[in-house]
Amino acid sequence: MLKIPKFLYSTNSSQMINNLKAYLIILIVGLGKVSVAQSVIYYPFNSLLGISTNPSKAIWLDVKLQTNSYFSSLSTDISPEINLKETPKSITYLGAGVKMNYLNAIENNNILEGYFMNFGVRLMPFEKYKKVHVAFEISPYAGRKFDIGVFRTHFGIGYNFSR
């Protein structure tokens, strides 16, 4: 049975934030050296800005920030991704993560909004511009109490600085 870490559903916001910081540091260090964003992608239909570590590596970290939104509903998706298949023209990947809103802590609410999975493909369709990529993701999402769910899709265009 899957055991959910206590900090993800704790009502003590300061304890939850401290545990979350420690978890993210361990996750990032575990994925390799800490580095600047090596891939940026914009999903215009979802108003998301994606920032990733090197998606050409076997395991990488993806963060999606909500844009064009009220400050009270700024959500962030954080997920480690695993490359399933890589060709010169595409990267197919799978991952799972959490959707959080850090501003909920101001009102002593839980910062965790829900859980999601990603299955995606990043295509490099232009021979001359190999660093430009088009991304498509299928991402089922469930609220933190598993009482709601949405089948999300993301379509965007980006640039991979590391490829």
N, C-alpha and C. Protein backbone atom coordinates (compact mmCIF):
# COMPACT_ATOMS: atom_id res chain seq x y z
N MET A 1 0.84 -1.18 0.00
CA MET A 1 0.00 0.00 0.00
C MET A 1 0.88 1.24 0.00
N LEU A 2 0.53 2.23 -0.81
CA LEU A 2 1.28 3.48 -0.93
C LEU A 2 1.04 4.33 0.32
N LYS A 3 2.13 4.74 0.95
CA LYS A 3 2.02 5.59 2.14
C LYS A 3 2.35 7.02 1.73
N ILE A 4 1.41 7.93 1.94
CA ILE A 4 1.59 9.33 1.60
C ILE A 4 2.35 10.01 2.74
N PRO A 5 3.44 10.75 2.41
CA PRO A 5 4.19 11.43 3.46
C PRO A 5 3.29 12.37 4.26
N LYS A 6 3.49 12.40 5.58
CA LYS A 6 2.64 13.17 6.47
C LYS A 6 2.63 14.66 6.14
N PHE A 7 3.77 15.21 5.68
CA PHE A 7 3.81 16.65 5.43
C PHE A 7 2.87 17.06 4.31
N LEU A 8 2.44 16.13 3.48
CA LEU A 8 1.56 16.49 2.37
C LEU A 8 0.12 16.68 2.82
N TYR A 9 -0.24 16.23 4.00
CA TYR A 9 -1.61 16.42 4.46
C TYR A 9 -1.69 16.99 5.87
N SER A 10 -0.58 17.47 6.38
CA SER A 10 -0.54 18.05 7.72
C SER A 10 -1.31 19.37 7.75
N THR A 11 -1.92 19.68 8.90
CA THR A 11 -2.63 20.96 9.05
C THR A 11 -1.72 22.02 9.66
N ASN A 12 -0.57 21.64 10.20
CA ASN A 12 0.39 22.59 10.76
C ASN A 12 1.22 23.13 9.60
N SER A 13 0.92 24.36 9.16
CA SER A 13 1.53 24.89 7.93
C SER A 13 3.03 25.11 8.06
N SER A 14 3.53 25.57 9.21
CA SER A 14 4.97 25.81 9.33
C SER A 14 5.74 24.49 9.30
N GLN A 15 5.24 23.48 9.95
CA GLN A 15 5.87 22.16 9.92
C GLN A 15 5.82 21.60 8.50
N MET A 16 4.69 21.76 7.85
CA MET A 16 4.51 21.26 6.49
C MET A 16 5.49 21.94 5.53
N ILE A 17 5.66 23.25 5.65
CA ILE A 17 6.55 23.99 4.75
C ILE A 17 8.01 23.58 5.00
N ASN A 18 8.41 23.43 6.25
CA ASN A 18 9.78 23.00 6.55
C ASN A 18 10.06 21.60 6.00
N ASN A 19 9.11 20.69 6.18
CA ASN A 19 9.28 19.34 5.65
C ASN A 19 9.31 19.35 4.13
N LEU A 20 8.48 20.19 3.52
CA LEU A 20 8.45 20.28 2.07
C LEU A 20 9.77 20.80 1.53
N LYS A 21 10.34 21.81 2.17
CA LYS A 21 11.65 22.34 1.75
C LYS A 21 12.71 21.24 1.81
N ALA A 22 12.74 20.49 2.90
CA ALA A 22 13.71 19.41 3.03
C ALA A 22 13.51 18.36 1.95
N TYR A 23 12.26 18.00 1.69
CA TYR A 23 11.95 17.01 0.66
C TYR A 23 12.42 17.47 -0.72
N LEU A 24 12.16 18.74 -1.05
CA LEU A 24 12.56 19.26 -2.37
C LEU A 24 14.07 19.33 -2.50
N ILE A 25 14.79 19.70 -1.44
CA ILE A 25 16.24 19.73 -1.48
C ILE A 25 16.79 18.33 -1.72
N ILE A 26 16.27 17.35 -1.00
CA ILE A 26 16.71 15.96 -1.18
C ILE A 26 16.40 15.49 -2.60
N LEU A 27 15.23 15.84 -3.12
CA LEU A 27 14.84 15.44 -4.47
C LEU A 27 15.77 16.04 -5.51
N ILE A 28 16.05 17.33 -5.40
CA ILE A 28 16.91 18.00 -6.38
C ILE A 28 18.34 17.47 -6.30
N VAL A 29 18.87 17.32 -5.09
CA VAL A 29 20.23 16.81 -4.94
C VAL A 29 20.29 15.37 -5.44
N GLY A 30 19.26 14.60 -5.20
CA GLY A 30 19.23 13.23 -5.67
C GLY A 30 19.19 13.11 -7.18
N LEU A 31 18.68 14.12 -7.85
CA LEU A 31 18.64 14.10 -9.32
C LEU A 31 19.94 14.58 -9.94
N GLY A 32 20.89 14.99 -9.16
CA GLY A 32 22.17 15.46 -9.71
C GLY A 32 22.47 16.84 -9.19
N LYS A 33 23.50 17.43 -9.77
CA LYS A 33 23.91 18.75 -9.29
C LYS A 33 22.81 19.77 -9.55
N VAL A 34 22.70 20.74 -8.67
CA VAL A 34 21.71 21.80 -8.81
C VAL A 34 22.17 22.71 -9.94
N SER A 35 21.28 22.99 -10.87
CA SER A 35 21.65 23.81 -12.02
C SER A 35 20.50 24.74 -12.37
N VAL A 36 20.81 25.69 -13.24
CA VAL A 36 19.78 26.61 -13.71
C VAL A 36 18.88 25.88 -14.69
N ALA A 37 17.78 26.52 -15.03
CA ALA A 37 16.85 25.93 -15.98
C ALA A 37 17.55 25.64 -17.30
N GLN A 38 17.34 24.45 -17.81
CA GLN A 38 17.95 24.09 -19.07
C GLN A 38 16.92 23.92 -20.18
N SER A 39 15.66 24.05 -19.82
CA SER A 39 14.59 23.99 -20.80
C SER A 39 13.43 24.86 -20.31
N VAL A 40 12.89 25.65 -21.21
CA VAL A 40 11.75 26.51 -20.89
C VAL A 40 10.68 26.24 -21.94
N ILE A 41 9.44 26.11 -21.48
CA ILE A 41 8.35 25.83 -22.40
C ILE A 41 7.11 26.61 -21.96
N TYR A 42 6.37 27.11 -22.92
CA TYR A 42 5.14 27.84 -22.59
C TYR A 42 3.95 27.08 -23.17
N TYR A 43 2.96 26.85 -22.33
CA TYR A 43 1.73 26.17 -22.71
C TYR A 43 0.63 27.23 -22.80
N PRO A 44 0.40 27.82 -23.98
CA PRO A 44 -0.51 28.98 -24.08
C PRO A 44 -1.97 28.66 -23.77
N PHE A 45 -2.42 27.46 -24.06
CA PHE A 45 -3.84 27.13 -23.84
C PHE A 45 -4.14 26.90 -22.37
N ASN A 46 -3.11 26.61 -21.57
CA ASN A 46 -3.27 26.37 -20.14
C ASN A 46 -2.69 27.49 -19.29
N SER A 47 -2.06 28.48 -19.93
CA SER A 47 -1.39 29.57 -19.22
C SER A 47 -0.39 29.05 -18.21
N LEU A 48 0.49 28.15 -18.67
CA LEU A 48 1.52 27.57 -17.83
C LEU A 48 2.89 27.88 -18.40
N LEU A 49 3.85 28.12 -17.52
CA LEU A 49 5.24 28.27 -17.91
C LEU A 49 6.00 27.11 -17.30
N GLY A 50 6.61 26.28 -18.13
CA GLY A 50 7.36 25.12 -17.66
C GLY A 50 8.85 25.40 -17.64
N ILE A 51 9.49 25.05 -16.55
CA ILE A 51 10.94 25.20 -16.40
C ILE A 51 11.46 23.83 -15.97
N SER A 52 12.47 23.35 -16.71
CA SER A 52 12.96 21.99 -16.45
C SER A 52 14.47 21.96 -16.34
N THR A 53 14.95 20.95 -15.61
CA THR A 53 16.36 20.62 -15.69
C THR A 53 16.54 19.96 -17.05
N ASN A 54 17.65 19.39 -17.34
CA ASN A 54 17.95 18.87 -18.67
C ASN A 54 17.06 17.68 -19.05
N PRO A 55 16.06 17.88 -19.95
CA PRO A 55 15.18 16.78 -20.32
C PRO A 55 15.85 15.73 -21.21
N SER A 56 17.09 15.96 -21.60
CA SER A 56 17.83 14.96 -22.37
C SER A 56 18.45 13.89 -21.46
N LYS A 57 18.46 14.13 -20.15
CA LYS A 57 18.98 13.14 -19.20
C LYS A 57 17.91 12.09 -18.92
N ALA A 58 18.31 10.98 -18.35
CA ALA A 58 17.37 9.88 -18.07
C ALA A 58 16.31 10.30 -17.06
N ILE A 59 16.68 11.07 -16.03
CA ILE A 59 15.75 11.56 -15.00
C ILE A 59 15.94 13.07 -14.89
N TRP A 60 14.84 13.80 -14.86
CA TRP A 60 14.92 15.26 -14.79
C TRP A 60 13.73 15.80 -14.02
N LEU A 61 13.83 17.05 -13.60
CA LEU A 61 12.79 17.68 -12.80
C LEU A 61 12.05 18.71 -13.64
N ASP A 62 10.73 18.71 -13.55
CA ASP A 62 9.88 19.64 -14.30
C ASP A 62 9.03 20.43 -13.31
N VAL A 63 8.99 21.75 -13.50
CA VAL A 63 8.18 22.64 -12.68
C VAL A 63 7.32 23.48 -13.61
N LYS A 64 6.02 23.49 -13.37
CA LYS A 64 5.11 24.30 -14.17
C LYS A 64 4.47 25.35 -13.26
N LEU A 65 4.58 26.61 -13.69
CA LEU A 65 4.06 27.72 -12.91
C LEU A 65 2.81 28.27 -13.59
N GLN A 66 1.78 28.53 -12.81
CA GLN A 66 0.54 29.11 -13.32
C GLN A 66 0.78 30.57 -13.66
N THR A 67 0.36 31.01 -14.83
CA THR A 67 0.45 32.42 -15.22
C THR A 67 -0.95 32.93 -15.54
N ASN A 68 -1.09 34.23 -15.75
CA ASN A 68 -2.39 34.84 -16.07
C ASN A 68 -3.47 34.42 -15.08
N SER A 69 -3.17 34.55 -13.79
CA SER A 69 -4.09 34.09 -12.77
C SER A 69 -4.07 35.07 -11.59
N TYR A 70 -5.11 34.99 -10.75
CA TYR A 70 -5.12 35.76 -9.51
C TYR A 70 -4.00 35.26 -8.61
N PHE A 71 -3.45 36.14 -7.77
CA PHE A 71 -2.38 35.73 -6.87
C PHE A 71 -2.83 34.63 -5.93
N SER A 72 -4.09 34.64 -5.55
CA SER A 72 -4.57 33.64 -4.61
C SER A 72 -4.67 32.26 -5.22
N SER A 73 -4.57 32.16 -6.54
CA SER A 73 -4.66 30.83 -7.16
C SER A 73 -3.43 30.52 -8.00
N LEU A 74 -2.27 30.96 -7.55
CA LEU A 74 -1.03 30.64 -8.24
C LEU A 74 -0.59 29.23 -7.85
N SER A 75 -0.74 28.31 -8.76
CA SER A 75 -0.39 26.92 -8.49
C SER A 75 0.92 26.57 -9.18
N THR A 76 1.61 25.61 -8.59
CA THR A 76 2.87 25.13 -9.13
C THR A 76 2.82 23.61 -9.17
N ASP A 77 3.13 23.04 -10.33
CA ASP A 77 3.24 21.59 -10.49
C ASP A 77 4.72 21.23 -10.41
N ILE A 78 5.08 20.28 -9.56
CA ILE A 78 6.46 19.82 -9.43
C ILE A 78 6.46 18.31 -9.64
N SER A 79 7.28 17.87 -10.60
CA SER A 79 7.32 16.44 -10.86
C SER A 79 8.67 15.99 -11.42
N PRO A 80 9.21 14.90 -10.87
CA PRO A 80 10.35 14.26 -11.52
C PRO A 80 9.84 13.48 -12.72
N GLU A 81 10.60 13.49 -13.79
CA GLU A 81 10.22 12.81 -15.02
C GLU A 81 11.29 11.77 -15.38
N ILE A 82 10.86 10.68 -15.99
CA ILE A 82 11.76 9.62 -16.43
C ILE A 82 11.59 9.45 -17.93
N ASN A 83 12.69 9.54 -18.67
CA ASN A 83 12.61 9.35 -20.11
C ASN A 83 12.44 7.87 -20.43
N LEU A 84 11.41 7.57 -21.21
CA LEU A 84 11.13 6.21 -21.63
C LEU A 84 11.83 5.87 -22.93
N LYS A 85 11.86 6.85 -23.85
CA LYS A 85 12.49 6.64 -25.15
C LYS A 85 12.98 7.98 -25.67
N GLU A 86 14.19 7.97 -26.22
CA GLU A 86 14.74 9.19 -26.80
C GLU A 86 15.28 8.88 -28.18
N THR A 87 14.87 9.69 -29.14
CA THR A 87 15.37 9.61 -30.50
C THR A 87 15.92 10.99 -30.86
N PRO A 88 16.58 11.14 -31.99
CA PRO A 88 17.06 12.47 -32.38
C PRO A 88 15.94 13.50 -32.56
N LYS A 89 14.72 13.05 -32.79
CA LYS A 89 13.60 13.97 -33.04
C LYS A 89 12.56 14.01 -31.93
N SER A 90 12.70 13.18 -30.87
CA SER A 90 11.68 13.18 -29.82
C SER A 90 12.20 12.62 -28.50
N ILE A 91 11.51 13.01 -27.44
CA ILE A 91 11.73 12.46 -26.11
C ILE A 91 10.35 12.08 -25.56
N THR A 92 10.18 10.83 -25.18
CA THR A 92 8.93 10.36 -24.58
C THR A 92 9.22 10.12 -23.10
N TYR A 93 8.36 10.65 -22.23
CA TYR A 93 8.64 10.59 -20.80
C TYR A 93 7.39 10.33 -19.98
N LEU A 94 7.62 9.94 -18.73
CA LEU A 94 6.57 9.63 -17.77
C LEU A 94 6.99 10.17 -16.41
N GLY A 95 6.03 10.71 -15.67
CA GLY A 95 6.35 11.23 -14.33
C GLY A 95 5.10 11.37 -13.49
N ALA A 96 5.32 11.71 -12.23
CA ALA A 96 4.23 11.94 -11.30
C ALA A 96 4.67 13.01 -10.32
N GLY A 97 3.71 13.78 -9.84
CA GLY A 97 4.09 14.85 -8.94
C GLY A 97 2.94 15.42 -8.15
N VAL A 98 3.20 16.59 -7.58
CA VAL A 98 2.22 17.27 -6.74
C VAL A 98 1.96 18.68 -7.28
N LYS A 99 0.73 19.12 -7.08
CA LYS A 99 0.34 20.49 -7.43
C LYS A 99 0.18 21.23 -6.12
N MET A 100 0.92 22.35 -5.99
CA MET A 100 0.92 23.09 -4.74
C MET A 100 0.65 24.57 -4.98
N ASN A 101 0.08 25.20 -3.95
CA ASN A 101 -0.13 26.64 -3.96
C ASN A 101 0.44 27.16 -2.64
N TYR A 102 1.65 27.74 -2.72
CA TYR A 102 2.34 28.18 -1.52
C TYR A 102 1.62 29.32 -0.82
N LEU A 103 0.80 30.07 -1.54
CA LEU A 103 0.09 31.19 -0.93
C LEU A 103 -1.02 30.72 0.02
N ASN A 104 -1.41 29.46 -0.05
CA ASN A 104 -2.39 28.93 0.90
C ASN A 104 -1.86 28.98 2.33
N ALA A 105 -0.55 28.94 2.50
CA ALA A 105 0.03 28.97 3.84
C ALA A 105 -0.25 30.29 4.56
N ILE A 106 -0.46 31.35 3.80
CA ILE A 106 -0.77 32.66 4.40
C ILE A 106 -2.03 32.59 5.24
N GLU A 107 -3.01 31.83 4.76
CA GLU A 107 -4.28 31.67 5.47
C GLU A 107 -4.33 30.38 6.27
N ASN A 108 -3.17 29.80 6.54
CA ASN A 108 -3.05 28.54 7.28
C ASN A 108 -3.83 27.40 6.63
N ASN A 109 -3.88 27.41 5.31
CA ASN A 109 -4.49 26.30 4.56
C ASN A 109 -3.39 25.39 4.04
N ASN A 110 -3.77 24.19 3.71
CA ASN A 110 -2.83 23.21 3.18
C ASN A 110 -2.32 23.69 1.82
N ILE A 111 -1.01 23.66 1.61
CA ILE A 111 -0.45 24.11 0.33
C ILE A 111 -0.60 23.06 -0.75
N LEU A 112 -0.84 21.81 -0.37
CA LEU A 112 -1.03 20.75 -1.35
C LEU A 112 -2.43 20.85 -1.95
N GLU A 113 -2.50 20.92 -3.27
CA GLU A 113 -3.80 20.96 -3.94
C GLU A 113 -4.17 19.61 -4.54
N GLY A 114 -3.18 18.83 -4.97
CA GLY A 114 -3.50 17.54 -5.55
C GLY A 114 -2.29 16.82 -6.10
N TYR A 115 -2.58 15.70 -6.77
CA TYR A 115 -1.56 14.82 -7.33
C TYR A 115 -1.83 14.64 -8.82
N PHE A 116 -0.79 14.38 -9.58
CA PHE A 116 -0.99 14.16 -11.01
C PHE A 116 0.07 13.21 -11.55
N MET A 117 -0.20 12.71 -12.73
CA MET A 117 0.76 11.93 -13.50
C MET A 117 0.94 12.61 -14.84
N ASN A 118 2.10 12.47 -15.44
CA ASN A 118 2.37 13.02 -16.76
C ASN A 118 2.81 11.90 -17.69
N PHE A 119 2.30 11.92 -18.90
CA PHE A 119 2.85 11.12 -19.98
C PHE A 119 2.98 12.09 -21.13
N GLY A 120 4.21 12.31 -21.59
CA GLY A 120 4.40 13.35 -22.59
C GLY A 120 5.41 13.01 -23.66
N VAL A 121 5.38 13.85 -24.69
CA VAL A 121 6.32 13.75 -25.80
C VAL A 121 6.80 15.16 -26.12
N ARG A 122 8.10 15.31 -26.24
CA ARG A 122 8.69 16.57 -26.71
C ARG A 122 9.28 16.28 -28.08
N LEU A 123 8.77 16.96 -29.07
CA LEU A 123 9.22 16.76 -30.45
C LEU A 123 10.15 17.88 -30.86
N MET A 124 11.18 17.53 -31.61
CA MET A 124 12.10 18.51 -32.20
C MET A 124 11.88 18.45 -33.72
N PRO A 125 10.87 19.17 -34.23
CA PRO A 125 10.45 18.99 -35.63
C PRO A 125 11.31 19.72 -36.66
N PHE A 126 12.14 20.64 -36.22
CA PHE A 126 12.91 21.44 -37.18
C PHE A 126 14.37 21.00 -37.20
N GLU A 127 14.82 20.50 -38.32
CA GLU A 127 16.19 20.04 -38.46
C GLU A 127 17.19 21.17 -38.21
N LYS A 128 16.87 22.34 -38.70
CA LYS A 128 17.78 23.49 -38.58
C LYS A 128 17.79 24.07 -37.16
N TYR A 129 16.66 23.96 -36.45
CA TYR A 129 16.54 24.52 -35.10
C TYR A 129 16.25 23.39 -34.11
N LYS A 130 17.26 22.60 -33.81
CA LYS A 130 17.09 21.40 -32.99
C LYS A 130 16.76 21.70 -31.53
N LYS A 131 17.02 22.90 -31.06
CA LYS A 131 16.74 23.24 -29.67
C LYS A 131 15.28 23.66 -29.45
N VAL A 132 14.58 23.95 -30.52
CA VAL A 132 13.16 24.29 -30.42
C VAL A 132 12.38 22.99 -30.34
N HIS A 133 11.44 22.92 -29.40
CA HIS A 133 10.64 21.70 -29.30
C HIS A 133 9.16 22.03 -29.06
N VAL A 134 8.35 21.08 -29.45
CA VAL A 134 6.91 21.15 -29.25
C VAL A 134 6.56 20.04 -28.26
N ALA A 135 5.78 20.38 -27.24
CA ALA A 135 5.46 19.40 -26.20
C ALA A 135 3.96 19.11 -26.16
N PHE A 136 3.64 17.86 -25.92
CA PHE A 136 2.26 17.44 -25.69
C PHE A 136 2.27 16.50 -24.50
N GLU A 137 1.39 16.77 -23.52
CA GLU A 137 1.29 15.93 -22.32
C GLU A 137 -0.16 15.56 -22.03
N ILE A 138 -0.33 14.37 -21.55
CA ILE A 138 -1.59 13.91 -20.99
C ILE A 138 -1.33 13.78 -19.49
N SER A 139 -2.19 14.42 -18.68
CA SER A 139 -1.90 14.52 -17.26
C SER A 139 -3.15 14.36 -16.40
N PRO A 140 -3.51 13.13 -16.02
CA PRO A 140 -4.63 12.97 -15.09
C PRO A 140 -4.29 13.59 -13.73
N TYR A 141 -5.27 14.27 -13.14
CA TYR A 141 -5.09 14.99 -11.89
C TYR A 141 -6.18 14.62 -10.90
N ALA A 142 -5.81 14.49 -9.63
CA ALA A 142 -6.78 14.24 -8.56
C ALA A 142 -6.52 15.23 -7.43
N GLY A 143 -7.58 15.74 -6.83
CA GLY A 143 -7.46 16.63 -5.68
C GLY A 143 -6.81 15.90 -4.52
N ARG A 144 -6.30 16.64 -3.55
CA ARG A 144 -5.54 16.02 -2.46
C ARG A 144 -6.35 15.03 -1.65
N LYS A 145 -7.66 15.20 -1.61
CA LYS A 145 -8.52 14.26 -0.89
C LYS A 145 -9.09 13.19 -1.82
N PHE A 146 -8.66 13.21 -3.07
CA PHE A 146 -9.12 12.29 -4.11
C PHE A 146 -10.63 12.36 -4.29
N ASP A 147 -11.21 13.54 -4.05
CA ASP A 147 -12.65 13.71 -4.21
C ASP A 147 -13.01 14.32 -5.56
N ILE A 148 -12.04 14.87 -6.28
CA ILE A 148 -12.27 15.41 -7.62
C ILE A 148 -11.15 14.95 -8.54
N GLY A 149 -11.41 14.97 -9.81
CA GLY A 149 -10.39 14.60 -10.77
C GLY A 149 -10.63 15.27 -12.11
N VAL A 150 -9.54 15.52 -12.82
CA VAL A 150 -9.61 16.15 -14.14
C VAL A 150 -8.61 15.45 -15.04
N PHE A 151 -8.98 15.25 -16.28
CA PHE A 151 -8.06 14.70 -17.28
C PHE A 151 -7.50 15.88 -18.05
N ARG A 152 -6.27 16.29 -17.70
CA ARG A 152 -5.68 17.49 -18.29
C ARG A 152 -4.82 17.12 -19.50
N THR A 153 -4.72 18.06 -20.43
CA THR A 153 -3.77 17.95 -21.54
C THR A 153 -3.03 19.27 -21.65
N HIS A 154 -1.78 19.19 -22.04
CA HIS A 154 -0.95 20.38 -22.20
C HIS A 154 -0.30 20.33 -23.58
N PHE A 155 -0.30 21.47 -24.26
CA PHE A 155 0.34 21.59 -25.57
C PHE A 155 1.14 22.89 -25.56
N GLY A 156 2.44 22.81 -25.83
CA GLY A 156 3.25 24.01 -25.76
C GLY A 156 4.45 23.98 -26.68
N ILE A 157 5.14 25.11 -26.70
CA ILE A 157 6.36 25.26 -27.50
C ILE A 157 7.46 25.76 -26.59
N GLY A 158 8.67 25.26 -26.79
CA GLY A 158 9.75 25.63 -25.89
C GLY A 158 11.11 25.60 -26.53
N TYR A 159 12.09 25.82 -25.68
CA TYR A 159 13.48 25.86 -26.11
C TYR A 159 14.32 25.11 -25.10
N ASN A 160 15.15 24.20 -25.58
CA ASN A 160 16.01 23.40 -24.74
C ASN A 160 17.44 23.94 -24.87
N PHE A 161 17.93 24.61 -23.84
CA PHE A 161 19.26 25.21 -23.86
C PHE A 161 20.37 24.16 -23.86
N SER A 162 20.07 22.96 -23.40
CA SER A 162 21.11 21.94 -23.20
C SER A 162 21.23 20.94 -24.34
N ARG A 163 20.35 20.94 -25.27
CA ARG A 163 20.35 19.90 -26.32
C ARG A 163 21.37 20.20 -27.38
